[in-house]
Structures are given as structure tokens and as C-alpha cells.
Amino acid sequence: MNSFDEISDKLIESTIEIFVGMVMMDISVAGDPLTKLGPMKQSITGMVGLAGTHKGVLAVHFPKPLALAVTSSFLGMDVEEINEDVQDAIGEIANMLGGNLKTILSDKGKDIQLSLPSTISGDEYNFSSQAEAEQLIIPFKAPDGEFFVEVELEHA
């Protein structure tokens, strides 16, 4: 894979679609893609792994206040702390984005499986894979803050 250009546009499109249609929240791209993220502070990350012709991970990183706002909007109920509902909602968003990424990559004849979604959260943590992987990090702006969609891909 030579670049993320074509993936980037489709991923932006599907992220906005998911947030408008499922989360009931208007979002926009918050700038050019980043090459790396520093430590995540007071955040939650939802992720799904990819295996097959492409191996890697799709992750979505939310600061805690935005994760609560996203979950409240997504579930239609007030959520005031990081709990199982928040973990499920953030995991499900990662899962939907992972499914879209799989479709984007499979459109090119790729055979890819997704793992079940999982989440990590904490006061401060670093998110990175061990593998040498191409990385794409897209910043998005929501009414309650900024979040990031990250894709790391290596060739199988």
C-alpha cells in the first residue's frame, strides 16, 4: 500500500456519516492528518484489530468529557462517568468504523477479518502497536471537543 490518500477521504466520509446518523452529532475534520499522537490524557480509546491481507488496528480516541457526550447522545440517556455503557458505545463506534475500513480495503479485493471491539481508558497512556506500520491519524472536531481516528496497517 503506497499511501493513505484514498483511504483517508473514505474514512472521513464514513466517520461523519456514523456520527450524524448514529450518534446524532455533527462533526468536522479538525485539520490535516497527524503523524503521531502524544500520551492520551483522561481519555478512552475504542479499537478493533484487522487480520488477513492487511494486519493492523483501527482506533478512535476520545477525551473523557467528549466520550460521555458521545455516549449520552448515542444511547439517548445521560451518562456522567466512564462505565460499561461508555465502553460499549465507544467500542461500537470503533466497530462500525472498522467495518467501514474493511469495506474500503475489501473494495480493492482484500480479505480482512475484524476482531471484537475493545476499549482502554485511563489518566494517561500511550497508544502504539509494536509493528512497523503505516499510520494515519485524522483529527475531528465535535461540539464537546476533539477526537482522533487512527489507522495502523502493516502488510501481512
C-alpha atoms as a PDB file:
ATOM      1  CA  MET A   1       0.000   0.000   0.000  1.00  0.00           C
ATOM      2  CA  ASN A   2       1.615   3.247  -1.072  1.00  0.00           C
ATOM      3  CA  SER A   3      -0.408   5.860   0.785  1.00  0.00           C
ATOM      4  CA  PHE A   4      -3.495   6.521   2.816  1.00  0.00           C
ATOM      5  CA  ASP A   5      -4.860   9.181   0.446  1.00  0.00           C
ATOM      6  CA  GLU A   6      -7.805   7.219  -0.913  1.00  0.00           C
ATOM      7  CA  ILE A   7      -8.491   5.538   2.435  1.00  0.00           C
ATOM      8  CA  SER A   8      -8.353   8.895   4.229  1.00  0.00           C
ATOM      9  CA  ASP A   9     -11.193  10.510   2.254  1.00  0.00           C
ATOM     10  CA  LYS A  10     -13.464   7.473   2.586  1.00  0.00           C
ATOM     11  CA  LEU A  11     -12.686   7.126   6.296  1.00  0.00           C
ATOM     12  CA  ILE A  12     -13.506  10.809   6.894  1.00  0.00           C
ATOM     13  CA  GLU A  13     -16.766  10.363   4.969  1.00  0.00           C
ATOM     14  CA  SER A  14     -17.790   7.260   6.920  1.00  0.00           C
ATOM     15  CA  THR A  15     -16.811   8.784  10.300  1.00  0.00           C
ATOM     16  CA  ILE A  16     -19.005  11.825   9.627  1.00  0.00           C
ATOM     17  CA  GLU A  17     -21.810   9.530   8.400  1.00  0.00           C
ATOM     18  CA  ILE A  18     -21.678   7.413  11.589  1.00  0.00           C
ATOM     19  CA  PHE A  19     -21.685  10.457  13.856  1.00  0.00           C
ATOM     20  CA  VAL A  20     -24.524  12.233  12.049  1.00  0.00           C
ATOM     21  CA  GLY A  21     -26.648   9.105  11.538  1.00  0.00           C
ATOM     22  CA  MET A  22     -25.992   7.021  14.651  1.00  0.00           C
ATOM     23  CA  VAL A  23     -24.619   9.372  17.309  1.00  0.00           C
ATOM     24  CA  MET A  24     -26.795  12.331  16.250  1.00  0.00           C
ATOM     25  CA  MET A  25     -23.814  14.669  16.441  1.00  0.00           C
ATOM     26  CA  ASP A  26     -22.351  16.985  13.818  1.00  0.00           C
ATOM     27  CA  ILE A  27     -18.588  16.673  13.468  1.00  0.00           C
ATOM     28  CA  SER A  28     -15.972  18.008  11.078  1.00  0.00           C
ATOM     29  CA  VAL A  29     -12.347  17.352  10.239  1.00  0.00           C
ATOM     30  CA  ALA A  30     -10.147  19.431  12.557  1.00  0.00           C
ATOM     31  CA  GLY A  31      -7.093  19.760  10.321  1.00  0.00           C
ATOM     32  CA  ASP A  32      -4.570  17.755   8.376  1.00  0.00           C
ATOM     33  CA  PRO A  33      -3.801  14.147   9.347  1.00  0.00           C
ATOM     34  CA  LEU A  34      -1.215  13.772  12.096  1.00  0.00           C
ATOM     35  CA  THR A  35       1.819  11.502  12.067  1.00  0.00           C
ATOM     36  CA  LYS A  36       1.707  10.654  15.759  1.00  0.00           C
ATOM     37  CA  LEU A  37      -0.221  11.276  18.956  1.00  0.00           C
ATOM     38  CA  GLY A  38       1.352  12.038  22.286  1.00  0.00           C
ATOM     39  CA  PRO A  39       0.207  10.379  25.501  1.00  0.00           C
ATOM     40  CA  MET A  40      -3.579  10.139  25.854  1.00  0.00           C
ATOM     41  CA  LYS A  41      -4.669  12.018  28.985  1.00  0.00           C
ATOM     42  CA  GLN A  42      -8.032  11.458  30.691  1.00  0.00           C
ATOM     43  CA  SER A  43      -9.179   9.536  27.627  1.00  0.00           C
ATOM     44  CA  ILE A  44     -10.830   6.390  26.362  1.00  0.00           C
ATOM     45  CA  THR A  45      -9.818   4.511  23.211  1.00  0.00           C
ATOM     46  CA  GLY A  46     -12.009   2.072  21.316  1.00  0.00           C
ATOM     47  CA  MET A  47     -10.288  -0.287  18.895  1.00  0.00           C
ATOM     48  CA  VAL A  48     -10.700  -3.228  16.552  1.00  0.00           C
ATOM     49  CA  GLY A  49      -7.930  -5.361  15.108  1.00  0.00           C
ATOM     50  CA  LEU A  50      -7.654  -6.283  11.455  1.00  0.00           C
ATOM     51  CA  ALA A  51      -6.228  -9.580  10.187  1.00  0.00           C
ATOM     52  CA  GLY A  52      -5.841 -11.016   6.712  1.00  0.00           C
ATOM     53  CA  THR A  53      -4.289  -9.357   3.695  1.00  0.00           C
ATOM     54  CA  HIS A  54      -3.821  -6.307   5.896  1.00  0.00           C
ATOM     55  CA  LYS A  55      -2.971  -6.561   9.579  1.00  0.00           C
ATOM     56  CA  GLY A  56      -3.385  -3.664  11.899  1.00  0.00           C
ATOM     57  CA  VAL A  57      -5.734  -1.740  14.109  1.00  0.00           C
ATOM     58  CA  LEU A  58      -8.371   0.933  13.864  1.00  0.00           C
ATOM     59  CA  ALA A  59      -8.682   3.049  16.993  1.00  0.00           C
ATOM     60  CA  VAL A  60     -10.797   6.012  17.977  1.00  0.00           C
ATOM     61  CA  HIS A  61      -9.503   8.191  20.826  1.00  0.00           C
ATOM     62  CA  PHE A  62     -11.854  10.389  22.880  1.00  0.00           C
ATOM     63  CA  PRO A  63     -11.133  12.689  25.826  1.00  0.00           C
ATOM     64  CA  LYS A  64     -13.405  11.597  28.693  1.00  0.00           C
ATOM     65  CA  PRO A  65     -15.828  14.604  28.557  1.00  0.00           C
ATOM     66  CA  LEU A  66     -16.419  14.031  24.839  1.00  0.00           C
ATOM     67  CA  ALA A  67     -16.781  10.263  25.351  1.00  0.00           C
ATOM     68  CA  LEU A  68     -19.543  10.990  27.888  1.00  0.00           C
ATOM     69  CA  ALA A  69     -21.277  13.420  25.483  1.00  0.00           C
ATOM     70  CA  VAL A  70     -20.991  10.951  22.583  1.00  0.00           C
ATOM     71  CA  THR A  71     -22.342   8.078  24.696  1.00  0.00           C
ATOM     72  CA  SER A  72     -25.209  10.206  26.066  1.00  0.00           C
ATOM     73  CA  SER A  73     -26.205  11.192  22.530  1.00  0.00           C
ATOM     74  CA  PHE A  74     -25.691   7.678  21.104  1.00  0.00           C
ATOM     75  CA  LEU A  75     -27.751   5.949  23.834  1.00  0.00           C
ATOM     76  CA  GLY A  76     -30.228   8.788  24.406  1.00  0.00           C
ATOM     77  CA  MET A  77     -29.542   8.918  28.144  1.00  0.00           C
ATOM     78  CA  ASP A  78     -27.370  10.951  30.498  1.00  0.00           C
ATOM     79  CA  VAL A  79     -24.026   9.372  31.281  1.00  0.00           C
ATOM     80  CA  GLU A  80     -21.823  11.043  33.871  1.00  0.00           C
ATOM     81  CA  GLU A  81     -18.888   8.668  34.312  1.00  0.00           C
ATOM     82  CA  ILE A  82     -16.831   6.204  32.315  1.00  0.00           C
ATOM     83  CA  ASN A  83     -18.748   2.960  32.823  1.00  0.00           C
ATOM     84  CA  GLU A  84     -19.785  -0.118  30.882  1.00  0.00           C
ATOM     85  CA  ASP A  85     -22.228   1.918  28.761  1.00  0.00           C
ATOM     86  CA  VAL A  86     -19.434   4.258  27.689  1.00  0.00           C
ATOM     87  CA  GLN A  87     -17.067   1.366  26.973  1.00  0.00           C
ATOM     88  CA  ASP A  88     -19.774  -0.366  24.910  1.00  0.00           C
ATOM     89  CA  ALA A  89     -20.652   2.806  22.968  1.00  0.00           C
ATOM     90  CA  ILE A  90     -17.034   3.721  22.195  1.00  0.00           C
ATOM     91  CA  GLY A  91     -16.302   0.096  21.279  1.00  0.00           C
ATOM     92  CA  GLU A  92     -19.326   0.039  18.976  1.00  0.00           C
ATOM     93  CA  ILE A  93     -18.183   3.237  17.232  1.00  0.00           C
ATOM     94  CA  ALA A  94     -14.754   1.634  16.694  1.00  0.00           C
ATOM     95  CA  ASN A  95     -16.530  -1.488  15.410  1.00  0.00           C
ATOM     96  CA  MET A  96     -18.628   0.492  12.896  1.00  0.00           C
ATOM     97  CA  LEU A  97     -15.549   2.390  11.698  1.00  0.00           C
ATOM     98  CA  GLY A  98     -13.606  -0.885  11.480  1.00  0.00           C
ATOM     99  CA  GLY A  99     -16.388  -2.372   9.367  1.00  0.00           C
ATOM    100  CA  ASN A 100     -16.234   0.623   7.050  1.00  0.00           C
ATOM    101  CA  LEU A 101     -12.443   0.367   6.835  1.00  0.00           C
ATOM    102  CA  LYS A 102     -12.772  -3.327   5.991  1.00  0.00           C
ATOM    103  CA  THR A 103     -15.194  -2.414   3.187  1.00  0.00           C
ATOM    104  CA  ILE A 104     -12.844   0.325   1.924  1.00  0.00           C
ATOM    105  CA  LEU A 105      -9.908  -2.105   1.839  1.00  0.00           C
ATOM    106  CA  SER A 106     -12.027  -5.025   0.556  1.00  0.00           C
ATOM    107  CA  ASP A 107     -13.210  -2.912  -2.374  1.00  0.00           C
ATOM    108  CA  LYS A 108      -9.697  -3.492  -3.652  1.00  0.00           C
ATOM    109  CA  GLY A 109     -10.091  -7.269  -3.424  1.00  0.00           C
ATOM    110  CA  LYS A 110      -8.720  -7.578   0.087  1.00  0.00           C
ATOM    111  CA  ASP A 111      -9.673 -10.327   2.502  1.00  0.00           C
ATOM    112  CA  ILE A 112      -9.818  -8.974   6.035  1.00  0.00           C
ATOM    113  CA  GLN A 113     -11.322 -10.127   9.344  1.00  0.00           C
ATOM    114  CA  LEU A 114     -12.128  -7.845  12.286  1.00  0.00           C
ATOM    115  CA  SER A 115     -11.620  -8.626  15.958  1.00  0.00           C
ATOM    116  CA  LEU A 116     -14.244  -7.876  18.559  1.00  0.00           C
ATOM    117  CA  PRO A 117     -14.005  -4.262  19.736  1.00  0.00           C
ATOM    118  CA  SER A 118     -12.233  -3.450  22.985  1.00  0.00           C
ATOM    119  CA  THR A 119     -11.547  -0.274  24.943  1.00  0.00           C
ATOM    120  CA  ILE A 120      -8.831   1.110  27.170  1.00  0.00           C
ATOM    121  CA  SER A 121      -9.070   4.214  29.309  1.00  0.00           C
ATOM    122  CA  GLY A 122      -7.050   5.963  31.946  1.00  0.00           C
ATOM    123  CA  ASP A 123      -5.478   9.120  33.295  1.00  0.00           C
ATOM    124  CA  GLU A 124      -2.511   8.803  30.929  1.00  0.00           C
ATOM    125  CA  TYR A 125      -1.457   6.114  28.456  1.00  0.00           C
ATOM    126  CA  ASN A 126       0.344   5.747  25.153  1.00  0.00           C
ATOM    127  CA  PHE A 127      -1.281   4.006  22.220  1.00  0.00           C
ATOM    128  CA  SER A 128       1.011   2.354  19.712  1.00  0.00           C
ATOM    129  CA  SER A 129       1.488  -1.012  18.112  1.00  0.00           C
ATOM    130  CA  GLN A 130       4.748  -2.952  18.231  1.00  0.00           C
ATOM    131  CA  ALA A 131       4.817  -3.488  14.482  1.00  0.00           C
ATOM    132  CA  GLU A 132       6.345  -1.309  11.828  1.00  0.00           C
ATOM    133  CA  ALA A 133       3.122   0.018  10.417  1.00  0.00           C
ATOM    134  CA  GLU A 134       1.871   2.820   8.233  1.00  0.00           C
ATOM    135  CA  GLN A 135      -0.131   5.203  10.357  1.00  0.00           C
ATOM    136  CA  LEU A 136      -2.978   7.601   9.627  1.00  0.00           C
ATOM    137  CA  ILE A 137      -4.410   9.822  12.379  1.00  0.00           C
ATOM    138  CA  ILE A 138      -7.342  12.066  11.483  1.00  0.00           C
ATOM    139  CA  PRO A 139      -8.414  14.764  13.971  1.00  0.00           C
ATOM    140  CA  PHE A 140     -12.138  15.524  14.227  1.00  0.00           C
ATOM    141  CA  LYS A 141     -13.950  18.355  15.973  1.00  0.00           C
ATOM    142  CA  ALA A 142     -17.221  17.688  17.807  1.00  0.00           C
ATOM    143  CA  PRO A 143     -19.332  20.181  19.809  1.00  0.00           C
ATOM    144  CA  ASP A 144     -17.724  18.964  23.058  1.00  0.00           C
ATOM    145  CA  GLY A 145     -14.104  18.622  21.952  1.00  0.00           C
ATOM    146  CA  GLU A 146     -11.679  16.962  19.575  1.00  0.00           C
ATOM    147  CA  PHE A 147     -11.176  13.259  18.933  1.00  0.00           C
ATOM    148  CA  PHE A 148      -8.935  11.181  16.691  1.00  0.00           C
ATOM    149  CA  VAL A 149      -9.472   8.262  14.350  1.00  0.00           C
ATOM    150  CA  GLU A 150      -6.254   6.273  13.938  1.00  0.00           C
ATOM    151  CA  VAL A 151      -5.439   3.503  11.491  1.00  0.00           C
ATOM    152  CA  GLU A 152      -2.242   1.444  11.635  1.00  0.00           C
ATOM    153  CA  LEU A 153      -1.688  -1.036   8.825  1.00  0.00           C
ATOM    154  CA  GLU A 154       1.118  -3.444   8.027  1.00  0.00           C
ATOM    155  CA  HIS A 155       1.293  -5.889   5.146  1.00  0.00           C
ATOM    156  CA  ALA A 156       0.570  -9.486   6.066  1.00  0.00           C
END
